[in-house]
């Protein structure tokens, strides 16, 4: 198998992680990538995203191929915090940050892999499938870039997102939908020392409701969690108001609806019992997807890994990614590991060999 240029891959990856691009601040990296893709011969479109989510834009790029078939490859340009002033360190074939920031392999390893695969294909004058790229903003914390991605340019029916961890050959074919609930319980203030019985304690209402809820692991497909609680003014005031932020996730849409209904009705019933009020905002963050193992897209990906001597496997995940949104928008979409490890921590790292392998995969998949 013809090798990719590993040194160039690592240099480009390091160039990308040096660019500060915490979520909502992707303008600089988007501009640089749009320019680099143009130099590689892509037709590039800068796609607007509502400005409350980013100072940049989504990047759509297209490279016509002579081989039959077309694929959308996607990675996100933003990083979590702390992601400013990242200094990558390479030791013993592993890239990590110097320890006071994340590395940004999530998800600049995906971007670097795709672009090195294309450079290698062009250097060797290999025929390839038509390639469409979707580099998104603000994936972390909401999947907003893919949610607002303008699909009018996209002609592919299948997509690969390069944005998960695990061994190379990991194929995510199932991911949950997520619903967010914000419940504001309004009780009645009173002096906690002089006349506590005149008050309605919002936190006691909340505690009663939460105590009656099914939470954490509901079943093999469904989870629910109370994530944030905020309220109170002083110890001598019966708490008049409390805000609770919760979520539920499930691979099964009906189960997700049932869990959300259970949580909301519990808040409402308990509030009424205590004579309190509750205001509830419930919003869908993203929908679930499940793809069968015998899907032709999955089989083709497994065969490509097999040609590399890698035994790929399908699995589910408990988290969302841009794959959820591209699936919802009509593309059969899987999420592949780039080898990233300990993401969202200052201990994040990626092995050069893993990044080279996923680059080889992209190259082989495009030229098969």
Protein backbone atom coordinates (compact mmCIF):
# COMPACT_ATOMS: atom_id res chain seq x y z
CA UNK A 1 0.00 0.00 0.00
CA UNK A 2 1.37 3.42 -0.90
CA UNK A 3 2.16 5.39 2.21
CA UNK A 4 0.92 8.82 3.12
CA UNK A 5 3.42 11.51 4.10
CA UNK A 6 3.41 11.08 7.87
CA UNK A 7 5.68 14.05 8.56
CA UNK A 8 3.45 16.39 6.53
CA UNK A 9 0.36 14.99 8.29
CA UNK A 10 1.84 15.71 11.73
CA UNK A 11 3.05 19.18 10.69
CA UNK A 12 -0.39 20.12 9.38
CA UNK A 13 -2.07 18.76 12.50
CA UNK A 14 0.26 20.80 14.71
CA UNK A 15 -0.38 23.89 12.57
CA UNK A 16 -4.13 23.42 13.12
CA UNK A 17 -3.91 22.93 16.89
CA UNK A 18 -1.81 26.10 17.17
CA UNK A 19 -4.84 28.04 15.87
CA UNK A 20 -7.08 29.06 18.77
CA UNK A 21 -10.61 27.92 17.94
CA UNK A 22 -12.67 27.42 21.06
CA UNK A 23 -16.38 27.03 20.28
CA UNK A 24 -17.91 30.19 18.74
CA UNK A 25 -14.45 31.53 17.82
CA UNK A 26 -13.78 29.60 14.60
CA UNK A 27 -13.30 32.46 12.13
CA UNK A 28 -9.51 32.17 11.87
CA UNK A 29 -9.36 28.41 11.37
CA UNK A 30 -12.30 28.48 8.95
CA UNK A 31 -10.56 31.13 6.82
CA UNK A 32 -7.28 29.19 6.80
CA UNK A 33 -8.95 25.88 5.91
CA UNK A 34 -11.04 27.49 3.16
CA UNK A 35 -7.82 28.88 1.65
CA UNK A 36 -5.95 25.57 1.95
CA UNK A 37 -8.81 23.64 0.36
CA UNK A 38 -8.92 26.14 -2.50
CA UNK A 39 -5.21 25.52 -3.10
CA UNK A 40 -5.92 21.78 -3.29
CA UNK A 41 -8.42 22.40 -6.10
CA UNK A 42 -11.66 22.18 -4.12
CA UNK A 43 -14.61 24.38 -4.91
CA UNK A 44 -15.14 26.08 -1.55
CA UNK A 45 -18.25 27.72 -0.09
CA UNK A 46 -18.33 29.64 3.19
CA UNK A 47 -21.74 28.85 4.66
CA UNK A 48 -23.22 31.26 7.20
CA UNK A 49 -24.32 30.14 10.66
CA UNK A 50 -26.40 32.36 13.02
CA UNK A 51 -23.95 34.76 14.63
CA UNK A 52 -24.92 33.85 18.20
CA UNK A 53 -23.13 30.53 17.60
CA UNK A 54 -19.93 31.64 15.86
CA UNK A 55 -17.85 34.51 14.53
CA UNK A 56 -16.94 32.20 11.62
CA UNK A 57 -18.77 29.96 9.18
CA UNK A 58 -19.21 26.35 8.11
CA UNK A 59 -16.91 25.24 5.29
CA UNK A 60 -18.34 23.20 2.41
CA UNK A 61 -15.83 22.01 -0.18
CA UNK A 62 -16.20 19.77 -3.23
CA UNK A 63 -13.65 17.91 -5.33
CA UNK A 64 -15.03 16.15 -8.39
CA UNK A 65 -13.81 12.61 -8.93
CA UNK A 66 -13.57 10.25 -11.88
CA UNK A 67 -14.45 7.12 -9.93
CA UNK A 68 -18.07 6.17 -9.37
CA UNK A 69 -19.56 7.22 -6.06
CA UNK A 70 -19.56 10.19 -3.75
CA UNK A 71 -19.03 10.67 -0.02
CA UNK A 72 -19.39 13.54 2.46
CA UNK A 73 -16.56 13.59 5.00
CA UNK A 74 -16.98 15.77 8.06
CA UNK A 75 -15.03 17.04 11.07
CA UNK A 76 -15.56 20.01 13.37
CA UNK A 77 -13.25 22.99 13.65
CA UNK A 78 -13.95 24.04 17.24
CA UNK A 79 -12.42 22.78 20.48
CA UNK A 80 -13.55 22.75 24.10
CA UNK A 81 -11.84 24.93 26.71
CA UNK A 82 -9.08 25.36 27.79
CA UNK A 83 -8.00 25.62 24.15
CA UNK A 84 -6.04 28.86 23.87
CA UNK A 85 -2.28 28.81 23.32
CA UNK A 86 -2.05 25.06 22.74
CA UNK A 87 1.53 23.78 22.48
CA UNK A 88 1.70 20.26 21.02
CA UNK A 89 4.54 18.05 22.21
CA UNK A 90 5.62 14.94 20.30
CA UNK A 91 7.32 12.20 22.32
CA UNK A 92 7.75 8.52 21.47
CA UNK A 93 5.26 8.71 18.61
CA UNK A 94 2.54 10.37 20.71
CA UNK A 95 1.27 13.95 20.40
CA UNK A 96 -0.05 15.64 23.54
CA UNK A 97 -0.35 19.17 24.86
CA UNK A 98 2.22 20.50 27.32
CA UNK A 99 -0.42 19.92 30.01
CA UNK A 100 -2.24 23.18 30.69
CA UNK A 101 -4.66 22.97 27.73
CA UNK A 102 -6.46 20.33 25.75
CA UNK A 103 -4.67 19.15 22.58
CA UNK A 104 -7.44 19.69 20.04
CA UNK A 105 -7.20 16.27 18.41
CA UNK A 106 -10.95 16.49 18.91
CA UNK A 107 -11.42 17.20 16.11
CA UNK A 108 -8.42 18.57 14.24
CA UNK A 109 -7.13 15.02 13.83
CA UNK A 110 -10.12 14.40 11.55
CA UNK A 111 -9.45 17.52 9.49
CA UNK A 112 -5.73 16.73 9.14
CA UNK A 113 -6.44 13.11 8.11
CA UNK A 114 -8.83 14.11 5.33
CA UNK A 115 -6.53 16.78 3.92
CA UNK A 116 -3.39 14.62 3.99
CA UNK A 117 -5.31 11.82 2.24
CA UNK A 118 -6.25 14.27 -0.53
CA UNK A 119 -2.69 15.60 -0.86
CA UNK A 120 -1.39 12.04 -1.13
CA UNK A 121 -4.02 11.08 -3.75
CA UNK A 122 -3.14 14.13 -5.85
CA UNK A 123 0.63 13.56 -5.59
CA UNK A 124 0.21 10.02 -6.87
CA UNK A 125 -2.34 10.98 -9.56
CA UNK A 126 -4.85 8.44 -8.23
CA UNK A 127 -8.44 8.45 -9.46
CA UNK A 128 -10.93 8.96 -6.66
CA UNK A 129 -14.61 9.24 -5.81
CA UNK A 130 -16.23 12.66 -5.70
CA UNK A 131 -15.40 14.13 -2.30
CA UNK A 132 -17.55 16.57 -0.35
CA UNK A 133 -16.31 18.09 2.89
CA UNK A 134 -18.28 19.59 5.76
CA UNK A 135 -16.07 21.31 8.33
CA UNK A 136 -18.39 22.61 11.02
CA UNK A 137 -18.36 25.25 13.75
CA UNK A 138 -19.54 24.92 17.36
CA UNK A 139 -19.98 21.14 17.53
CA UNK A 140 -18.98 21.07 21.17
CA UNK A 141 -21.86 21.89 23.49
CA UNK A 142 -24.69 21.76 20.98
CA UNK A 143 -23.87 20.49 17.46
CA UNK A 144 -24.87 23.92 16.16
CA UNK A 145 -22.69 23.95 13.03
CA UNK A 146 -24.20 20.76 11.67
CA UNK A 147 -27.67 21.79 12.81
CA UNK A 148 -27.45 24.90 10.63
CA UNK A 149 -25.39 23.34 7.81
CA UNK A 150 -26.78 24.39 4.41
CA UNK A 151 -27.41 21.04 2.70
CA UNK A 152 -28.38 22.54 -0.66
CA UNK A 153 -24.83 21.97 -2.00
CA UNK A 154 -24.61 18.34 -0.84
CA UNK A 155 -25.28 15.57 -3.37
CA UNK A 156 -23.85 12.56 -1.48
CA UNK A 157 -26.26 10.12 0.14
CA UNK A 158 -23.70 8.82 2.63
CA UNK A 159 -21.38 10.49 5.10
CA UNK A 160 -18.48 9.70 7.40
CA UNK A 161 -17.79 11.86 10.44
CA UNK A 162 -14.25 11.53 11.82
CA UNK A 163 -14.84 12.43 15.44
CA UNK A 164 -14.61 9.69 18.04
CA UNK A 165 -12.06 7.72 20.02
CA UNK A 166 -11.25 4.07 20.49
CA UNK A 167 -9.11 1.75 18.37
CA UNK A 168 -8.79 2.56 14.66
CA UNK A 169 -11.60 0.58 13.04
CA UNK A 170 -14.25 1.71 15.54
CA UNK A 171 -17.47 2.49 13.63
CA UNK A 172 -20.21 4.28 15.59
CA UNK A 173 -23.54 3.14 14.11
CA UNK A 174 -25.84 4.11 17.00
CA UNK A 175 -26.04 7.30 19.04
CA UNK A 176 -28.76 8.64 21.32
CA UNK A 177 -31.07 11.57 20.93
CA UNK A 178 -30.92 14.14 23.70
CA UNK A 179 -33.59 16.34 25.28
CA UNK A 180 -32.85 19.21 27.67
CA UNK A 181 -35.24 20.20 30.46
CA UNK A 182 -35.03 23.45 32.42
CA UNK A 183 -37.46 23.45 35.36
CA UNK A 184 -37.92 26.59 37.45
CA UNK A 185 -39.81 25.89 40.69
CA UNK A 186 -41.37 28.91 42.38
CA UNK A 187 -42.29 28.59 46.04
CA UNK A 188 -42.91 31.37 48.55
CA UNK A 189 -40.32 33.21 50.66
CA UNK A 190 -40.65 33.55 54.40
CA UNK A 191 -38.34 34.24 57.34
CA UNK A 192 -36.74 30.89 58.06
CA UNK A 193 -36.35 31.65 61.78
CA UNK A 194 -39.55 33.56 62.58
CA UNK A 195 -42.22 32.03 60.34
CA UNK A 196 -40.91 29.19 58.17
CA UNK A 197 -44.38 27.62 57.98
CA UNK A 198 -45.55 30.63 55.95
CA UNK A 199 -43.11 29.78 53.16
CA UNK A 200 -43.02 27.14 50.43
CA UNK A 201 -39.46 25.86 50.07
CA UNK A 202 -38.59 25.52 46.40
CA UNK A 203 -35.70 23.20 47.21
CA UNK A 204 -37.93 20.87 49.25
CA UNK A 205 -40.31 20.70 46.27
CA UNK A 206 -37.35 19.97 43.98
CA UNK A 207 -36.00 17.31 46.33
CA UNK A 208 -39.38 15.60 46.55
CA UNK A 209 -39.73 15.60 42.75
CA UNK A 210 -36.20 14.38 42.09
CA UNK A 211 -36.58 11.65 44.71
CA UNK A 212 -39.56 10.29 42.78
CA UNK A 213 -37.84 10.36 39.38
CA UNK A 214 -36.21 7.50 37.52
CA UNK A 215 -32.72 8.84 36.84
CA UNK A 216 -29.22 7.84 35.64
CA UNK A 217 -29.29 4.42 33.88
CA UNK A 218 -32.93 3.77 32.93
CA UNK A 219 -32.24 0.80 30.62
CA UNK A 220 -29.63 -0.30 28.07
CA UNK A 221 -30.76 2.45 25.66
CA UNK A 222 -31.81 5.28 27.97
CA UNK A 223 -30.23 7.59 30.55
CA UNK A 224 -31.37 10.68 32.47
CA UNK A 225 -29.53 13.12 34.70
CA UNK A 226 -30.02 16.20 36.86
CA UNK A 227 -26.97 18.24 35.89
CA UNK A 228 -27.29 21.68 37.50
CA UNK A 229 -29.24 23.13 40.42
CA UNK A 230 -29.20 26.81 41.28
CA UNK A 231 -31.20 28.83 43.81
CA UNK A 232 -31.37 30.54 47.16
CA UNK A 233 -30.67 33.95 48.62
CA UNK A 234 -29.72 33.53 52.28
CA UNK A 235 -29.93 30.97 55.05
CA UNK A 236 -32.67 32.92 56.84
CA UNK A 237 -34.99 32.94 53.81
CA UNK A 238 -37.14 29.95 52.88
CA UNK A 239 -35.91 29.37 49.32
CA UNK A 240 -38.48 30.99 46.99
CA UNK A 241 -37.12 29.77 43.64
CA UNK A 242 -34.82 27.10 42.24
CA UNK A 243 -33.67 26.33 38.70
CA UNK A 244 -32.94 22.73 37.71
CA UNK A 245 -31.27 21.79 34.43
CA UNK A 246 -31.64 18.14 33.40
CA UNK A 247 -31.33 15.92 30.35
CA UNK A 248 -32.49 12.58 29.02
CA UNK A 249 -30.95 10.50 26.22
CA UNK A 250 -32.04 7.38 24.41
CA UNK A 251 -31.28 5.40 21.29
CA UNK A 252 -35.05 4.84 21.08
CA UNK A 253 -37.22 7.84 20.24
CA UNK A 254 -40.32 6.47 22.00
CA UNK A 255 -38.35 5.75 25.17
CA UNK A 256 -36.91 9.28 25.11
CA UNK A 257 -40.38 10.78 24.82
CA UNK A 258 -41.61 8.58 27.68
CA UNK A 259 -38.70 9.55 29.96
CA UNK A 260 -39.18 13.26 29.25
CA UNK A 261 -42.93 12.97 29.95
CA UNK A 262 -42.16 11.16 33.22
CA UNK A 263 -39.73 13.88 34.36
CA UNK A 264 -41.99 16.79 33.43
CA UNK A 265 -45.15 15.26 34.94
CA UNK A 266 -43.25 14.47 38.17
CA UNK A 267 -42.15 18.10 38.50
CA UNK A 268 -45.70 19.30 37.80
CA UNK A 269 -47.49 16.84 40.12
CA UNK A 270 -45.13 17.43 43.05
CA UNK A 271 -45.21 21.23 42.63
CA UNK A 272 -49.01 21.16 42.73
CA UNK A 273 -48.96 18.98 45.87
CA UNK A 274 -46.80 21.56 47.68
CA UNK A 275 -48.71 24.57 46.39
CA UNK A 276 -45.74 25.71 44.30
CA UNK A 277 -45.53 26.68 40.64
CA UNK A 278 -43.21 25.18 38.04
CA UNK A 279 -42.19 26.55 34.66
CA UNK A 280 -40.66 24.03 32.28
CA UNK A 281 -38.71 24.53 29.06
CA UNK A 282 -38.10 21.34 27.14
CA UNK A 283 -36.08 21.31 23.93
CA UNK A 284 -34.62 18.63 21.66
CA UNK A 285 -30.85 19.02 21.31
CA UNK A 286 -30.56 16.33 18.61
CA UNK A 287 -32.17 13.09 17.45
CA UNK A 288 -30.88 9.54 17.73
CA UNK A 289 -29.70 7.32 14.90
CA UNK A 290 -29.26 3.56 14.53
CA UNK A 291 -27.78 1.93 11.40
CA UNK A 292 -27.89 -1.83 10.79
CA UNK A 293 -24.65 -3.80 10.50
CA UNK A 294 -25.70 -5.09 7.07
CA UNK A 295 -26.07 -1.57 5.67
CA UNK A 296 -24.06 -1.28 2.43
CA UNK A 297 -22.25 1.84 3.70
CA UNK A 298 -21.13 0.03 6.85
CA UNK A 299 -20.03 -3.03 4.85
CA UNK A 300 -17.96 -0.89 2.44
CA UNK A 301 -16.20 0.80 5.36
CA UNK A 302 -15.46 -2.54 7.03
CA UNK A 303 -14.07 -3.91 3.75
CA UNK A 304 -11.75 -0.92 3.39
CA UNK A 305 -10.39 -1.45 6.91
CA UNK A 306 -10.05 -5.16 6.14
CA UNK A 307 -7.90 -4.31 3.10
CA UNK A 308 -5.58 -2.52 5.54
CA UNK A 309 -5.43 -5.56 7.82
CA UNK A 310 -7.68 -3.92 10.42
CA UNK A 311 -10.71 -5.78 11.77
CA UNK A 312 -13.30 -3.02 12.10
CA UNK A 313 -16.30 -3.30 14.42
CA UNK A 314 -19.56 -1.44 14.95
CA UNK A 315 -20.66 -0.10 18.30
CA UNK A 316 -22.98 2.41 19.93
CA UNK A 317 -22.11 5.49 21.95
CA UNK A 318 -23.78 7.47 24.72
CA UNK A 319 -22.84 10.84 23.22
CA UNK A 320 -23.99 12.92 20.28
CA UNK A 321 -21.91 14.20 17.36
CA UNK A 322 -22.43 15.91 14.02
CA UNK A 323 -23.31 12.42 12.75
CA UNK A 324 -26.68 12.74 14.53
CA UNK A 325 -27.56 15.87 12.57
CA UNK A 326 -26.27 14.70 9.19
CA UNK A 327 -28.25 11.48 9.66
CA UNK A 328 -31.36 13.53 10.45
CA UNK A 329 -30.72 15.58 7.29
CA UNK A 330 -30.99 12.41 5.20
CA UNK A 331 -27.45 11.05 4.91
CA UNK A 332 -26.55 7.54 6.08
CA UNK A 333 -23.85 8.68 8.51
CA UNK A 334 -21.35 6.84 10.69
CA UNK A 335 -18.70 8.21 13.03
CA UNK A 336 -15.17 6.76 12.87
CA UNK A 337 -12.36 6.86 15.43
CA UNK A 338 -9.26 8.90 14.66
CA UNK A 339 -7.49 7.43 17.68
CA UNK A 340 -8.05 10.49 19.90
CA UNK A 341 -7.79 9.71 23.63
CA UNK A 342 -8.73 11.46 26.90
CA UNK A 343 -10.51 14.20 24.94
CA UNK A 344 -11.91 17.23 26.79
CA UNK A 345 -9.07 16.95 29.34
CA UNK A 346 -5.59 18.46 29.60
CA UNK A 347 -4.26 14.88 29.36
CA UNK A 348 -5.59 14.49 25.79
CA UNK A 349 -3.26 12.70 23.36
CA UNK A 350 -3.17 10.95 20.00
CA UNK A 351 -0.69 8.43 18.60
CA UNK A 352 0.92 9.44 15.32
CA UNK A 353 0.48 5.87 14.07
CA UNK A 354 -3.28 6.00 14.68
CA UNK A 355 -3.62 9.32 12.87
CA UNK A 356 -1.63 7.87 9.97
CA UNK A 357 -3.90 4.80 9.87
CA UNK A 358 -7.13 6.78 9.67
CA UNK A 359 -5.51 8.91 6.94
CA UNK A 360 -4.66 5.71 5.05
CA UNK A 361 -8.26 4.61 5.48
CA UNK A 362 -9.62 7.84 3.97
CA UNK A 363 -7.18 7.59 1.07
CA UNK A 364 -8.05 3.95 0.36
CA UNK A 365 -11.80 4.52 0.73
CA UNK A 366 -11.69 7.38 -1.77
CA UNK A 367 -9.63 5.48 -4.33
CA UNK A 368 -11.14 1.97 -4.13
